[in-house]
Amino acid sequence: MSPLDDTSVRRPTLGDWSMLAGRADEWSRAYLILSVPSSHVALSPLIFAAAHAVELYLKSAVTAHASFKIAVGFGHKMSELWRYCEALQGFPFKGLLDSKLLDQGRDIYSVEGRQSLSATQRAHLIENEAMYLAIRHVQDLKYLGVKGTTLKGTYALTFGLPVPDRTMIGRLTGLAHWTWGQWWNTGGYNDPSLYALAERVMSAGQLPRG
């Protein structure tokens, strides 16, 4: 049975979705801290943090909309999770990702893989590279480059992302705003320090002092 077909589960509570949203905020702050130039050598933790922030924001939304059981039932099937959330009211990035790039099994990060894409697809992929990594490879980001993973080969450690990656920061703060804001009337708490940190990193390329 698909997790979407299970109608026997209980309805969500504030604690379930807000706990997940809070953990997502933590991973977002970790991403911001790792985004400053001095720490950019930590590529694997950088993408790992972004991917888990995305995953938890989406699962928080599913929990609030349906149940925690349904949310965790997606496991690491992030493409399915993303599409579920696209159907929810107010989702800020509906239509952002190319379904063909999201689902296709072939490698889209190697030189050969990118040559098979159109110029429009390549430009789109470059702009949203961190999000595609998060959705397509969240289960393997600790093992970048190792055989048997979804993203393998020496090239897997050579691609670079802007520092800070303003596009991904915008995606994460957008997801945070939507996740918390959609159910604000239930008493959810949104930590404004996340947005303040994002603005500082984006404007100055460094963490605030003190």
Protein backbone atom coordinates (compact mmCIF):
# COMPACT_ATOMS: atom_id res chain seq x y z
CA MET A 1 0.00 0.00 0.00
CA SER A 2 1.24 3.45 -0.89
CA PRO A 3 1.62 5.81 2.08
CA LEU A 4 -0.82 8.11 0.31
CA ASP A 5 -3.51 5.41 0.35
CA ASP A 6 -3.43 4.81 4.10
CA THR A 7 -6.49 6.62 5.45
CA SER A 8 -6.49 4.82 8.80
CA VAL A 9 -3.73 6.91 10.37
CA ARG A 10 -4.46 9.50 13.03
CA ARG A 11 -4.69 13.20 12.28
CA PRO A 12 -1.62 15.34 12.97
CA THR A 13 -0.85 17.14 16.20
CA LEU A 14 1.00 20.42 16.59
CA GLY A 15 3.94 18.64 18.19
CA ASP A 16 4.54 16.32 15.23
CA TRP A 17 4.91 18.86 12.41
CA SER A 18 6.46 21.62 14.50
CA MET A 19 9.14 19.26 15.79
CA LEU A 20 10.06 18.36 12.20
CA ALA A 21 10.02 22.01 11.14
CA GLY A 22 12.27 22.86 14.08
CA ARG A 23 14.78 20.19 13.07
CA ALA A 24 14.62 21.50 9.51
CA ASP A 25 15.48 24.98 10.79
CA GLU A 26 18.50 23.49 12.56
CA TRP A 27 19.75 21.86 9.35
CA SER A 28 19.15 25.15 7.52
CA ARG A 29 21.29 27.01 10.03
CA ALA A 30 23.97 24.33 9.65
CA TYR A 31 23.88 24.89 5.89
CA LEU A 32 24.24 28.64 6.34
CA ILE A 33 27.21 28.20 8.67
CA LEU A 34 28.90 25.88 6.19
CA SER A 35 28.16 28.28 3.32
CA VAL A 36 30.70 30.91 4.34
CA PRO A 37 33.87 30.93 2.20
CA SER A 38 36.21 29.76 4.93
CA SER A 39 34.26 26.52 5.38
CA HIS A 40 33.42 25.76 1.74
CA VAL A 41 35.94 22.91 1.70
CA ALA A 42 33.26 20.93 3.57
CA LEU A 43 31.28 20.12 0.43
CA SER A 44 29.72 16.86 1.58
CA PRO A 45 28.39 18.28 4.90
CA LEU A 46 27.19 21.38 3.04
CA ILE A 47 24.94 19.45 0.66
CA PHE A 48 24.04 16.92 3.37
CA ALA A 49 22.68 19.74 5.54
CA ALA A 50 20.69 21.28 2.69
CA ALA A 51 19.21 17.93 1.71
CA HIS A 52 18.05 17.09 5.21
CA ALA A 53 16.58 20.55 5.69
CA VAL A 54 14.53 20.12 2.50
CA GLU A 55 13.48 16.61 3.52
CA LEU A 56 12.29 17.71 6.96
CA TYR A 57 10.45 20.80 5.74
CA LEU A 58 8.55 18.65 3.25
CA LYS A 59 7.82 15.92 5.80
CA SER A 60 6.69 18.55 8.28
CA ALA A 61 4.19 19.81 5.71
CA VAL A 62 2.92 16.30 4.98
CA THR A 63 2.59 15.64 8.72
CA ALA A 64 0.50 18.76 9.21
CA HIS A 65 -1.58 17.99 6.12
CA ALA A 66 -2.08 14.29 6.81
CA SER A 67 0.02 12.45 9.41
CA PHE A 68 3.53 11.68 10.56
CA LYS A 69 3.06 8.07 9.45
CA ILE A 70 2.37 9.16 5.90
CA ALA A 71 5.33 11.56 5.98
CA VAL A 72 7.88 8.98 7.09
CA GLY A 73 6.31 6.45 4.74
CA PHE A 74 7.98 8.27 1.87
CA GLY A 75 11.38 7.30 3.22
CA HIS A 76 13.95 8.74 0.84
CA LYS A 77 11.60 8.78 -2.14
CA MET A 78 12.09 12.50 -2.34
CA SER A 79 10.68 12.94 -5.84
CA GLU A 80 7.34 11.52 -4.67
CA LEU A 81 7.50 13.63 -1.51
CA TRP A 82 8.20 16.77 -3.54
CA ARG A 83 5.24 16.12 -5.84
CA TYR A 84 2.92 15.50 -2.90
CA CYS A 85 3.89 18.88 -1.45
CA GLU A 86 3.50 20.59 -4.83
CA ALA A 87 -0.19 19.74 -4.58
CA LEU A 88 -0.55 21.40 -1.17
CA GLN A 89 -1.97 24.90 -0.91
CA GLY A 90 0.57 27.69 -1.16
CA PHE A 91 3.60 25.53 -1.93
CA PRO A 92 6.17 28.19 -2.92
CA PHE A 93 8.12 26.20 -5.53
CA LYS A 94 5.41 24.49 -7.56
CA GLY A 95 6.81 23.68 -11.00
CA LEU A 96 10.35 24.65 -10.00
CA LEU A 97 11.97 21.31 -10.82
CA ASP A 98 11.98 19.64 -14.24
CA SER A 99 10.20 16.29 -13.87
CA LYS A 100 12.49 14.65 -16.44
CA LEU A 101 15.62 15.72 -14.59
CA LEU A 102 14.03 14.74 -11.29
CA ASP A 103 13.17 11.21 -12.31
CA GLN A 104 15.59 10.08 -14.98
CA GLY A 105 17.92 7.33 -13.89
CA ARG A 106 20.90 8.40 -15.97
CA ASP A 107 23.65 10.47 -14.46
CA ILE A 108 23.21 14.20 -15.00
CA TYR A 109 26.37 15.33 -13.24
CA SER A 110 29.12 13.73 -15.30
CA VAL A 111 30.48 15.47 -18.39
CA GLU A 112 28.82 12.87 -20.60
CA GLY A 113 25.53 13.14 -18.75
CA ARG A 114 25.40 16.90 -19.09
CA GLN A 115 26.20 16.76 -22.78
CA SER A 116 23.01 14.75 -23.27
CA LEU A 117 20.93 17.65 -21.90
CA SER A 118 19.66 20.62 -23.85
CA ALA A 119 21.21 24.03 -23.25
CA THR A 120 18.05 25.08 -21.41
CA GLN A 121 18.16 21.99 -19.19
CA ARG A 122 21.85 22.54 -18.41
CA ALA A 123 21.24 26.15 -17.39
CA HIS A 124 18.27 25.11 -15.25
CA LEU A 125 20.29 22.33 -13.61
CA ILE A 126 23.18 24.65 -12.79
CA GLU A 127 20.83 27.18 -11.18
CA ASN A 128 19.10 24.52 -9.07
CA GLU A 129 21.95 22.05 -8.66
CA ALA A 130 21.83 21.91 -4.86
CA MET A 131 18.10 21.20 -4.88
CA TYR A 132 18.44 18.40 -7.42
CA LEU A 133 21.23 16.89 -5.34
CA ALA A 134 19.02 17.09 -2.28
CA ILE A 135 16.05 15.45 -3.98
CA ARG A 136 17.85 12.84 -6.09
CA HIS A 137 20.69 11.77 -3.80
CA VAL A 138 19.76 12.49 -0.17
CA GLN A 139 20.38 8.87 0.83
CA ASP A 140 23.97 8.87 -0.47
CA LEU A 141 25.36 12.32 0.23
CA LYS A 142 27.66 10.99 2.96
CA TYR A 143 29.24 8.67 0.39
CA LEU A 144 29.89 10.99 -2.55
CA GLY A 145 32.02 9.32 -5.20
CA VAL A 146 31.90 5.79 -3.79
CA LYS A 147 30.93 2.89 -6.06
CA GLY A 148 27.42 1.56 -5.60
CA THR A 149 25.89 4.90 -4.62
CA THR A 150 23.49 7.01 -6.63
CA LEU A 151 26.20 9.61 -7.29
CA LYS A 152 29.55 7.98 -8.00
CA GLY A 153 32.85 8.71 -9.70
CA THR A 154 35.69 11.16 -9.14
CA TYR A 155 33.74 13.97 -10.82
CA ALA A 156 31.23 13.74 -7.99
CA LEU A 157 33.72 15.56 -5.77
CA THR A 158 34.73 18.25 -8.25
CA PHE A 159 31.56 20.15 -9.07
CA GLY A 160 31.24 23.42 -7.25
CA LEU A 161 28.44 25.60 -5.95
CA PRO A 162 28.46 29.39 -5.45
CA VAL A 163 29.56 30.54 -2.02
CA PRO A 164 27.19 31.25 -0.50
CA ASP A 165 24.68 29.49 -2.76
CA ARG A 166 22.09 32.27 -2.80
CA THR A 167 19.59 30.19 -4.75
CA MET A 168 19.60 27.37 -2.20
CA ILE A 169 19.47 29.78 0.73
CA GLY A 170 16.39 31.31 -0.87
CA ARG A 171 14.84 27.88 -1.34
CA LEU A 172 15.43 26.90 2.29
CA THR A 173 14.10 30.13 3.76
CA GLY A 174 11.13 29.95 1.39
CA LEU A 175 10.33 26.43 2.58
CA ALA A 176 10.73 27.53 6.20
CA HIS A 177 8.39 30.48 5.74
CA TRP A 178 5.77 28.32 4.02
CA THR A 179 6.04 25.38 6.42
CA TRP A 180 5.64 27.49 9.54
CA GLY A 181 3.35 30.14 8.08
CA GLN A 182 0.75 27.80 6.60
CA TRP A 183 -0.21 26.55 10.06
CA TRP A 184 0.66 29.69 12.05
CA ASN A 185 -2.84 29.85 13.52
CA THR A 186 -2.23 26.53 15.29
CA GLY A 187 0.34 28.14 17.53
CA GLY A 188 3.51 27.23 15.66
CA TYR A 189 6.64 29.17 16.50
CA ASN A 190 8.89 30.48 13.77
CA ASP A 191 12.43 31.40 14.83
CA PRO A 192 13.32 34.70 13.11
CA SER A 193 17.03 34.09 13.72
CA LEU A 194 17.08 31.77 10.71
CA TYR A 195 16.08 34.58 8.36
CA ALA A 196 18.44 37.05 10.01
CA LEU A 197 21.34 34.62 9.59
CA ALA A 198 20.40 33.98 5.96
CA GLU A 199 20.32 37.70 5.19
CA ARG A 200 23.72 38.24 6.79
CA VAL A 201 25.34 35.36 4.92
CA MET A 202 23.83 36.45 1.62
CA SER A 203 24.74 40.12 1.99
CA ALA A 204 28.20 39.81 3.52
CA GLY A 205 29.27 36.27 2.68
CA GLN A 206 30.17 35.70 6.30
CA LEU A 207 28.67 34.79 9.65
CA PRO A 208 27.71 37.52 12.13
CA ARG A 209 30.23 38.10 14.89
CA GLY A 210 29.47 37.81 18.56
